[in-house]
């Protein structure tokens, strides 16, 4: 979830944990992520956006897969809802 071009020198990285427990989709702040070649997931999963957090980079042992643009948009939409942000930002 983190833009390493901006924050790649930090000792932490921002992540959204995934769960294969599909019943977790009932919670606010979740999004579906499909098991695809690009995602490198073995089965469809639920992104637990409400558990967005920073972890130490040493915990990331292999390069994660990528999710579709639509899935990424849904994850960010849920993150905006959780943080009280609207779809558009006011101009100052």
PDB file of N, CA and C in Angstrom:
ATOM      1  N   UNK A   1       0.814  -1.208   0.000  1.00  0.00           N
ATOM      2  CA  UNK A   1       0.000   0.000   0.000  1.00  0.00           C
ATOM      3  C   UNK A   1       0.851   1.262   0.000  1.00  0.00           C
ATOM      4  N   UNK A   2       2.113   1.166   0.246  1.00  0.00           N
ATOM      5  CA  UNK A   2       2.947   2.354   0.400  1.00  0.00           C
ATOM      6  C   UNK A   2       3.651   2.707  -0.896  1.00  0.00           C
ATOM      7  N   UNK A   3       3.762   3.994  -1.165  1.00  0.00           N
ATOM      8  CA  UNK A   3       4.508   4.474  -2.332  1.00  0.00           C
ATOM      9  C   UNK A   3       5.986   4.561  -1.949  1.00  0.00           C
ATOM     10  N   UNK A   4       6.755   3.573  -2.393  1.00  0.00           N
ATOM     11  CA  UNK A   4       8.172   3.549  -2.024  1.00  0.00           C
ATOM     12  C   UNK A   4       8.970   4.652  -2.709  1.00  0.00           C
ATOM     13  N   UNK A   5       8.432   5.219  -3.782  1.00  0.00           N
ATOM     14  CA  UNK A   5       9.087   6.378  -4.380  1.00  0.00           C
ATOM     15  C   UNK A   5       9.106   7.561  -3.430  1.00  0.00           C
ATOM     16  N   UNK A   6       8.099   7.640  -2.582  1.00  0.00           N
ATOM     17  CA  UNK A   6       7.994   8.711  -1.592  1.00  0.00           C
ATOM     18  C   UNK A   6       8.577   8.303  -0.245  1.00  0.00           C
ATOM     19  N   UNK A   7       8.271   7.103   0.203  1.00  0.00           N
ATOM     20  CA  UNK A   7       8.601   6.704   1.569  1.00  0.00           C
ATOM     21  C   UNK A   7       9.450   5.437   1.633  1.00  0.00           C
ATOM     22  N   UNK A   8      10.165   5.138   0.570  1.00  0.00           N
ATOM     23  CA  UNK A   8      10.962   3.921   0.530  1.00  0.00           C
ATOM     24  C   UNK A   8      12.101   3.867   1.529  1.00  0.00           C
ATOM     25  N   UNK A   9      12.502   5.006   2.063  1.00  0.00           N
ATOM     26  CA  UNK A   9      13.607   5.016   3.027  1.00  0.00           C
ATOM     27  C   UNK A   9      13.143   4.756   4.462  1.00  0.00           C
ATOM     28  N   UNK A  10      11.838   4.687   4.669  1.00  0.00           N
ATOM     29  CA  UNK A  10      11.332   4.419   6.014  1.00  0.00           C
ATOM     30  C   UNK A  10      11.605   2.963   6.402  1.00  0.00           C
ATOM     31  N   UNK A  11      11.792   2.695   7.694  1.00  0.00           N
ATOM     32  CA  UNK A  11      12.036   1.316   8.135  1.00  0.00           C
ATOM     33  C   UNK A  11      10.756   0.479   8.180  1.00  0.00           C
ATOM     34  N   UNK A  12       9.616   1.128   7.935  1.00  0.00           N
ATOM     35  CA  UNK A  12       8.334   0.433   7.946  1.00  0.00           C
ATOM     36  C   UNK A  12       7.669   0.549   6.583  1.00  0.00           C
ATOM     37  N   UNK A  13       6.658  -0.282   6.375  1.00  0.00           N
ATOM     38  CA  UNK A  13       5.837  -0.187   5.179  1.00  0.00           C
ATOM     39  C   UNK A  13       4.379  -0.359   5.594  1.00  0.00           C
ATOM     40  N   UNK A  14       3.487   0.278   4.859  1.00  0.00           N
ATOM     41  CA  UNK A  14       2.068   0.226   5.168  1.00  0.00           C
ATOM     42  C   UNK A  14       1.436  -0.965   4.460  1.00  0.00           C
ATOM     43  N   UNK A  15       0.623  -1.737   5.196  1.00  0.00           N
ATOM     44  CA  UNK A  15       0.002  -2.938   4.638  1.00  0.00           C
ATOM     45  C   UNK A  15      -1.478  -3.023   5.037  1.00  0.00           C
ATOM     46  N   UNK A  16      -2.217  -3.752   4.227  1.00  0.00           N
ATOM     47  CA  UNK A  16      -3.589  -4.142   4.551  1.00  0.00           C
ATOM     48  C   UNK A  16      -3.571  -5.659   4.623  1.00  0.00           C
ATOM     49  N   UNK A  17      -3.838  -6.237   5.794  1.00  0.00           N
ATOM     50  CA  UNK A  17      -3.835  -7.699   5.907  1.00  0.00           C
ATOM     51  C   UNK A  17      -5.001  -8.316   5.135  1.00  0.00           C
ATOM     52  N   UNK A  18      -4.809  -9.552   4.706  1.00  0.00           N
ATOM     53  CA  UNK A  18      -5.834 -10.303   3.986  1.00  0.00           C
ATOM     54  C   UNK A  18      -6.273 -11.489   4.824  1.00  0.00           C
ATOM     55  N   UNK A  19      -7.525 -11.906   4.602  1.00  0.00           N
ATOM     56  CA  UNK A  19      -8.063 -13.092   5.258  1.00  0.00           C
ATOM     57  C   UNK A  19      -8.757 -13.948   4.220  1.00  0.00           C
ATOM     58  N   UNK A  20      -8.622 -15.262   4.356  1.00  0.00           N
ATOM     59  CA  UNK A  20      -9.357 -16.162   3.476  1.00  0.00           C
ATOM     60  C   UNK A  20     -10.724 -16.510   4.063  1.00  0.00           C
ATOM     61  N   UNK A  21     -11.005 -16.011   5.240  1.00  0.00           N
ATOM     62  CA  UNK A  21     -12.316 -16.215   5.866  1.00  0.00           C
ATOM     63  C   UNK A  21     -13.308 -15.269   5.197  1.00  0.00           C
ATOM     64  N   UNK A  22     -14.008 -15.759   4.194  1.00  0.00           N
ATOM     65  CA  UNK A  22     -14.891 -14.921   3.396  1.00  0.00           C
ATOM     66  C   UNK A  22     -16.009 -14.286   4.218  1.00  0.00           C
ATOM     67  N   UNK A  23     -16.335 -14.840   5.362  1.00  0.00           N
ATOM     68  CA  UNK A  23     -17.382 -14.246   6.202  1.00  0.00           C
ATOM     69  C   UNK A  23     -16.946 -12.872   6.733  1.00  0.00           C
ATOM     70  N   UNK A  24     -15.668 -12.549   6.677  1.00  0.00           N
ATOM     71  CA  UNK A  24     -15.179 -11.251   7.147  1.00  0.00           C
ATOM     72  C   UNK A  24     -15.689 -10.099   6.291  1.00  0.00           C
ATOM     73  N   UNK A  25     -16.176 -10.399   5.084  1.00  0.00           N
ATOM     74  CA  UNK A  25     -16.669  -9.339   4.197  1.00  0.00           C
ATOM     75  C   UNK A  25     -17.876  -8.631   4.813  1.00  0.00           C
ATOM     76  N   UNK A  26     -18.489  -9.213   5.825  1.00  0.00           N
ATOM     77  CA  UNK A  26     -19.650  -8.595   6.467  1.00  0.00           C
ATOM     78  C   UNK A  26     -19.280  -7.341   7.254  1.00  0.00           C
ATOM     79  N   UNK A  27     -18.012  -7.178   7.571  1.00  0.00           N
ATOM     80  CA  UNK A  27     -17.566  -6.023   8.339  1.00  0.00           C
ATOM     81  C   UNK A  27     -17.376  -4.803   7.446  1.00  0.00           C
ATOM     82  N   UNK A  28     -17.634  -3.642   8.016  1.00  0.00           N
ATOM     83  CA  UNK A  28     -17.296  -2.396   7.324  1.00  0.00           C
ATOM     84  C   UNK A  28     -15.783  -2.341   7.169  1.00  0.00           C
ATOM     85  N   UNK A  29     -15.311  -1.682   6.132  1.00  0.00           N
ATOM     86  CA  UNK A  29     -13.866  -1.533   5.953  1.00  0.00           C
ATOM     87  C   UNK A  29     -13.197  -2.765   5.385  1.00  0.00           C
ATOM     88  N   UNK A  30     -13.920  -3.500   4.533  1.00  0.00           N
ATOM     89  CA  UNK A  30     -13.344  -4.669   3.879  1.00  0.00           C
ATOM     90  C   UNK A  30     -13.590  -4.597   2.380  1.00  0.00           C
ATOM     91  N   UNK A  31     -12.811  -5.366   1.611  1.00  0.00           N
ATOM     92  CA  UNK A  31     -12.961  -5.418   0.156  1.00  0.00           C
ATOM     93  C   UNK A  31     -12.521  -6.791  -0.332  1.00  0.00           C
ATOM     94  N   UNK A  32     -13.163  -7.277  -1.371  1.00  0.00           N
ATOM     95  CA  UNK A  32     -12.794  -8.564  -1.953  1.00  0.00           C
ATOM     96  C   UNK A  32     -11.548  -8.435  -2.823  1.00  0.00           C
ATOM     97  N   UNK A  33     -10.690  -9.452  -2.770  1.00  0.00           N
ATOM     98  CA  UNK A  33      -9.501  -9.532  -3.615  1.00  0.00           C
ATOM     99  C   UNK A  33      -9.487 -10.928  -4.241  1.00  0.00           C
ATOM    100  N   UNK A  34      -9.466 -10.976  -5.556  1.00  0.00           N
ATOM    101  CA  UNK A  34      -9.532 -12.259  -6.263  1.00  0.00           C
ATOM    102  C   UNK A  34      -8.174 -12.947  -6.315  1.00  0.00           C
ATOM    103  N   UNK A  35      -8.229 -14.257  -6.303  1.00  0.00           N
ATOM    104  CA  UNK A  35      -7.019 -15.062  -6.498  1.00  0.00           C
ATOM    105  C   UNK A  35      -6.738 -15.094  -7.999  1.00  0.00           C
ATOM    106  N   UNK A  36      -5.661 -14.445  -8.396  1.00  0.00           N
ATOM    107  CA  UNK A  36      -5.259 -14.397  -9.804  1.00  0.00           C
ATOM    108  C   UNK A  36      -3.752 -14.607  -9.885  1.00  0.00           C
ATOM    109  N   UNK A  37      -3.273 -14.782 -11.083  1.00  0.00           N
ATOM    110  CA  UNK A  37      -1.827 -14.908 -11.290  1.00  0.00           C
ATOM    111  C   UNK A  37      -1.111 -13.649 -10.792  1.00  0.00           C
ATOM    112  N   UNK A  38      -1.719 -12.495 -11.043  1.00  0.00           N
ATOM    113  CA  UNK A  38      -1.105 -11.223 -10.644  1.00  0.00           C
ATOM    114  C   UNK A  38      -1.109 -11.026  -9.126  1.00  0.00           C
ATOM    115  N   UNK A  39      -2.194 -11.451  -8.472  1.00  0.00           N
ATOM    116  CA  UNK A  39      -2.268 -11.257  -7.018  1.00  0.00           C
ATOM    117  C   UNK A  39      -1.416 -12.268  -6.255  1.00  0.00           C
ATOM    118  N   UNK A  40      -1.105 -13.373  -6.914  1.00  0.00           N
ATOM    119  CA  UNK A  40      -0.315 -14.451  -6.318  1.00  0.00           C
ATOM    120  C   UNK A  40      -1.004 -15.078  -5.104  1.00  0.00           C
ATOM    121  N   UNK A  41      -2.329 -14.914  -5.028  1.00  0.00           N
ATOM    122  CA  UNK A  41      -3.097 -15.530  -3.946  1.00  0.00           C
ATOM    123  C   UNK A  41      -3.558 -16.910  -4.382  1.00  0.00           C
ATOM    124  N   UNK A  42      -3.620 -17.830  -3.447  1.00  0.00           N
ATOM    125  CA  UNK A  42      -4.093 -19.191  -3.739  1.00  0.00           C
ATOM    126  C   UNK A  42      -5.611 -19.273  -3.739  1.00  0.00           C
ATOM    127  N   UNK A  43      -6.259 -18.366  -2.987  1.00  0.00           N
ATOM    128  CA  UNK A  43      -7.710 -18.350  -2.979  1.00  0.00           C
ATOM    129  C   UNK A  43      -8.205 -16.915  -2.779  1.00  0.00           C
ATOM    130  N   UNK A  44      -9.452 -16.687  -3.199  1.00  0.00           N
ATOM    131  CA  UNK A  44     -10.039 -15.366  -3.013  1.00  0.00           C
ATOM    132  C   UNK A  44      -9.925 -14.981  -1.545  1.00  0.00           C
ATOM    133  N   UNK A  45      -9.757 -13.686  -1.312  1.00  0.00           N
ATOM    134  CA  UNK A  45      -9.513 -13.206   0.047  1.00  0.00           C
ATOM    135  C   UNK A  45     -10.282 -11.920   0.318  1.00  0.00           C
ATOM    136  N   UNK A  46     -10.303 -11.546   1.570  1.00  0.00           N
ATOM    137  CA  UNK A  46     -10.924 -10.306   2.012  1.00  0.00           C
ATOM    138  C   UNK A  46      -9.818  -9.393   2.534  1.00  0.00           C
ATOM    139  N   UNK A  47      -9.727  -8.191   1.954  1.00  0.00           N
ATOM    140  CA  UNK A  47      -8.778  -7.187   2.439  1.00  0.00           C
ATOM    141  C   UNK A  47      -9.387  -6.544   3.681  1.00  0.00           C
ATOM    142  N   UNK A  48      -8.684  -6.652   4.792  1.00  0.00           N
ATOM    143  CA  UNK A  48      -9.159  -6.103   6.066  1.00  0.00           C
ATOM    144  C   UNK A  48      -8.652  -4.671   6.197  1.00  0.00           C
ATOM    145  N   UNK A  49      -9.246  -3.796   5.412  1.00  0.00           N
ATOM    146  CA  UNK A  49      -8.792  -2.406   5.343  1.00  0.00           C
ATOM    147  C   UNK A  49      -8.857  -1.745   6.714  1.00  0.00           C
ATOM    148  N   UNK A  50      -9.819  -2.144   7.538  1.00  0.00           N
ATOM    149  CA  UNK A  50      -9.949  -1.562   8.877  1.00  0.00           C
ATOM    150  C   UNK A  50      -8.761  -1.921   9.771  1.00  0.00           C
ATOM    151  N   UNK A  51      -7.887  -2.825   9.315  1.00  0.00           N
ATOM    152  CA  UNK A  51      -6.683  -3.173  10.066  1.00  0.00           C
ATOM    153  C   UNK A  51      -5.416  -2.620   9.397  1.00  0.00           C
ATOM    154  N   UNK A  52      -5.563  -1.613   8.546  1.00  0.00           N
ATOM    155  CA  UNK A  52      -4.433  -0.945   7.882  1.00  0.00           C
ATOM    156  C   UNK A  52      -3.387  -0.580   8.925  1.00  0.00           C
ATOM    157  N   UNK A  53      -2.126  -0.936   8.664  1.00  0.00           N
ATOM    158  CA  UNK A  53      -1.100  -0.695   9.681  1.00  0.00           C
ATOM    159  C   UNK A  53       0.298  -0.622   9.066  1.00  0.00           C
ATOM    160  N   UNK A  54       1.229  -0.171   9.871  1.00  0.00           N
ATOM    161  CA  UNK A  54       2.639  -0.155   9.495  1.00  0.00           C
ATOM    162  C   UNK A  54       3.295  -1.396  10.096  1.00  0.00           C
ATOM    163  N   UNK A  55       4.143  -2.043   9.293  1.00  0.00           N
ATOM    164  CA  UNK A  55       4.935  -3.168   9.808  1.00  0.00           C
ATOM    165  C   UNK A  55       6.393  -2.934   9.432  1.00  0.00           C
ATOM    166  N   UNK A  56       7.280  -3.564  10.161  1.00  0.00           N
ATOM    167  CA  UNK A  56       8.702  -3.471   9.863  1.00  0.00           C
ATOM    168  C   UNK A  56       8.974  -4.135   8.523  1.00  0.00           C
ATOM    169  N   UNK A  57       9.769  -3.488   7.691  1.00  0.00           N
ATOM    170  CA  UNK A  57      10.083  -4.024   6.357  1.00  0.00           C
ATOM    171  C   UNK A  57      10.699  -5.425   6.413  1.00  0.00           C
ATOM    172  N   UNK A  58      11.370  -5.739   7.487  1.00  0.00           N
ATOM    173  CA  UNK A  58      12.003  -7.057   7.587  1.00  0.00           C
ATOM    174  C   UNK A  58      10.968  -8.184   7.618  1.00  0.00           C
ATOM    175  N   UNK A  59       9.711  -7.846   7.899  1.00  0.00           N
ATOM    176  CA  UNK A  59       8.650  -8.865   7.921  1.00  0.00           C
ATOM    177  C   UNK A  59       8.175  -9.234   6.521  1.00  0.00           C
ATOM    178  N   UNK A  60       8.521  -8.421   5.524  1.00  0.00           N
ATOM    179  CA  UNK A  60       8.128  -8.706   4.142  1.00  0.00           C
ATOM    180  C   UNK A  60       9.244  -9.541   3.522  1.00  0.00           C
ATOM    181  N   UNK A  61       8.994 -10.832   3.376  1.00  0.00           N
ATOM    182  CA  UNK A  61      10.027 -11.758   2.926  1.00  0.00           C
ATOM    183  C   UNK A  61      10.087 -11.922   1.415  1.00  0.00           C
ATOM    184  N   UNK A  62       8.966 -11.729   0.741  1.00  0.00           N
ATOM    185  CA  UNK A  62       8.955 -11.851  -0.707  1.00  0.00           C
ATOM    186  C   UNK A  62       8.080 -10.762  -1.285  1.00  0.00           C
ATOM    187  N   UNK A  63       8.305 -10.476  -2.558  1.00  0.00           N
ATOM    188  CA  UNK A  63       7.538  -9.428  -3.216  1.00  0.00           C
ATOM    189  C   UNK A  63       6.084  -9.861  -3.322  1.00  0.00           C
ATOM    190  N   UNK A  64       5.182  -9.047  -2.793  1.00  0.00           N
ATOM    191  CA  UNK A  64       3.768  -9.410  -2.891  1.00  0.00           C
ATOM    192  C   UNK A  64       3.263  -9.265  -4.318  1.00  0.00           C
ATOM    193  N   UNK A  65       2.113  -9.846  -4.586  1.00  0.00           N
ATOM    194  CA  UNK A  65       1.501  -9.707  -5.896  1.00  0.00           C
ATOM    195  C   UNK A  65       0.821  -8.351  -6.020  1.00  0.00           C
ATOM    196  N   UNK A  66       0.126  -8.159  -7.117  1.00  0.00           N
ATOM    197  CA  UNK A  66      -0.596  -6.913  -7.343  1.00  0.00           C
ATOM    198  C   UNK A  66      -2.076  -7.215  -7.534  1.00  0.00           C
ATOM    199  N   UNK A  67      -2.898  -6.284  -7.116  1.00  0.00           N
ATOM    200  CA  UNK A  67      -4.331  -6.443  -7.284  1.00  0.00           C
ATOM    201  C   UNK A  67      -4.787  -5.590  -8.463  1.00  0.00           C
ATOM    202  N   UNK A  68      -5.981  -5.864  -8.939  1.00  0.00           N
ATOM    203  CA  UNK A  68      -6.508  -5.119 -10.081  1.00  0.00           C
ATOM    204  C   UNK A  68      -6.746  -3.659  -9.696  1.00  0.00           C
ATOM    205  N   UNK A  69      -6.868  -2.828 -10.704  1.00  0.00           N
ATOM    206  CA  UNK A  69      -7.135  -1.411 -10.463  1.00  0.00           C
ATOM    207  C   UNK A  69      -8.478  -1.236  -9.743  1.00  0.00           C
ATOM    208  N   UNK A  70      -9.478  -2.016 -10.140  1.00  0.00           N
ATOM    209  CA  UNK A  70     -10.793  -1.928  -9.493  1.00  0.00           C
ATOM    210  C   UNK A  70     -10.704  -2.337  -8.026  1.00  0.00           C
ATOM    211  N   UNK A  71      -9.942  -3.383  -7.731  1.00  0.00           N
ATOM    212  CA  UNK A  71      -9.775  -3.816  -6.339  1.00  0.00           C
ATOM    213  C   UNK A  71      -9.022  -2.760  -5.539  1.00  0.00           C
ATOM    214  N   UNK A  72      -7.992  -2.196  -6.130  1.00  0.00           N
ATOM    215  CA  UNK A  72      -7.231  -1.137  -5.449  1.00  0.00           C
ATOM    216  C   UNK A  72      -8.129   0.062  -5.152  1.00  0.00           C
ATOM    217  N   UNK A  73      -8.954   0.442  -6.149  1.00  0.00           N
ATOM    218  CA  UNK A  73      -9.873   1.561  -5.941  1.00  0.00           C
ATOM    219  C   UNK A  73     -10.836   1.276  -4.794  1.00  0.00           C
ATOM    220  N   UNK A  74     -11.313   0.039  -4.699  1.00  0.00           N
ATOM    221  CA  UNK A  74     -12.232  -0.338  -3.619  1.00  0.00           C
ATOM    222  C   UNK A  74     -11.531  -0.278  -2.257  1.00  0.00           C
ATOM    223  N   UNK A  75     -10.288  -0.738  -2.186  1.00  0.00           N
ATOM    224  CA  UNK A  75      -9.524  -0.669  -0.933  1.00  0.00           C
ATOM    225  C   UNK A  75      -9.368   0.793  -0.504  1.00  0.00           C
ATOM    226  N   UNK A  76      -8.997   1.664  -1.444  1.00  0.00           N
ATOM    227  CA  UNK A  76      -8.840   3.079  -1.091  1.00  0.00           C
ATOM    228  C   UNK A  76     -10.177   3.727  -0.749  1.00  0.00           C
ATOM    229  N   UNK A  77     -11.253   3.307  -1.403  1.00  0.00           N
ATOM    230  CA  UNK A  77     -12.583   3.823  -1.085  1.00  0.00           C
ATOM    231  C   UNK A  77     -12.946   3.462   0.364  1.00  0.00           C
ATOM    232  N   UNK A  78     -12.672   2.221   0.753  1.00  0.00           N
ATOM    233  CA  UNK A  78     -12.935   1.801   2.131  1.00  0.00           C
ATOM    234  C   UNK A  78     -12.053   2.560   3.120  1.00  0.00           C
ATOM    235  N   UNK A  79     -10.809   2.797   2.757  1.00  0.00           N
ATOM    236  CA  UNK A  79      -9.907   3.558   3.633  1.00  0.00           C
ATOM    237  C   UNK A  79     -10.414   4.990   3.811  1.00  0.00           C
ATOM    238  N   UNK A  80     -10.901   5.590   2.741  1.00  0.00           N
ATOM    239  CA  UNK A  80     -11.451   6.951   2.851  1.00  0.00           C
ATOM    240  C   UNK A  80     -12.683   6.961   3.755  1.00  0.00           C
ATOM    241  N   UNK A  81     -13.537   5.955   3.621  1.00  0.00           N
ATOM    242  CA  UNK A  81     -14.717   5.882   4.490  1.00  0.00           C
ATOM    243  C   UNK A  81     -14.296   5.763   5.954  1.00  0.00           C
ATOM    244  N   UNK A  82     -13.321   4.906   6.217  1.00  0.00           N
ATOM    245  CA  UNK A  82     -12.862   4.691   7.593  1.00  0.00           C
ATOM    246  C   UNK A  82     -12.261   5.945   8.213  1.00  0.00           C
ATOM    247  N   UNK A  83     -11.636   6.777   7.386  1.00  0.00           N
ATOM    248  CA  UNK A  83     -10.982   7.983   7.893  1.00  0.00           C
ATOM    249  C   UNK A  83     -11.840   9.235   7.752  1.00  0.00           C
ATOM    250  N   UNK A  84     -13.092   9.057   7.301  1.00  0.00           N
ATOM    251  CA  UNK A  84     -14.000  10.186   7.207  1.00  0.00           C
ATOM    252  C   UNK A  84     -13.757  11.091   6.030  1.00  0.00           C
ATOM    253  N   UNK A  85     -13.037  10.598   5.044  1.00  0.00           N
ATOM    254  CA  UNK A  85     -12.752  11.398   3.853  1.00  0.00           C
ATOM    255  C   UNK A  85     -13.882  11.222   2.841  1.00  0.00           C
ATOM    256  N   UNK A  86     -14.088  12.222   2.015  1.00  0.00           N
ATOM    257  CA  UNK A  86     -15.087  12.107   0.957  1.00  0.00           C
ATOM    258  C   UNK A  86     -14.379  11.719  -0.330  1.00  0.00           C
ATOM    259  N   UNK A  87     -15.144  11.368  -1.337  1.00  0.00           N
ATOM    260  CA  UNK A  87     -14.575  10.993  -2.650  1.00  0.00           C
ATOM    261  C   UNK A  87     -13.793  12.142  -3.264  1.00  0.00           C
ATOM    262  N   UNK A  88     -14.216  13.362  -3.046  1.00  0.00           N
ATOM    263  CA  UNK A  88     -13.493  14.500  -3.596  1.00  0.00           C
ATOM    264  C   UNK A  88     -12.960  15.350  -2.449  1.00  0.00           C
ATOM    265  N   UNK A  89     -11.863  15.975  -2.683  1.00  0.00           N
ATOM    266  CA  UNK A  89     -11.241  16.779  -1.643  1.00  0.00           C
ATOM    267  C   UNK A  89     -11.563  18.251  -1.889  1.00  0.00           C
ATOM    268  N   UNK A  90     -11.883  18.993  -0.842  1.00  0.00           N
ATOM    269  CA  UNK A  90     -12.218  20.407  -1.024  1.00  0.00           C
ATOM    270  C   UNK A  90     -11.004  21.203  -1.479  1.00  0.00           C
ATOM    271  N   UNK A  91     -11.238  22.197  -2.275  1.00  0.00           N
ATOM    272  CA  UNK A  91     -10.150  23.071  -2.718  1.00  0.00           C
ATOM    273  C   UNK A  91      -9.952  24.153  -1.677  1.00  0.00           C
ATOM    274  N   UNK A  92      -8.723  24.538  -1.483  1.00  0.00           N
ATOM    275  CA  UNK A  92      -8.399  25.540  -0.469  1.00  0.00           C
ATOM    276  C   UNK A  92      -8.082  26.845  -1.133  1.00  0.00           C
TER     277      UNK A  92
END
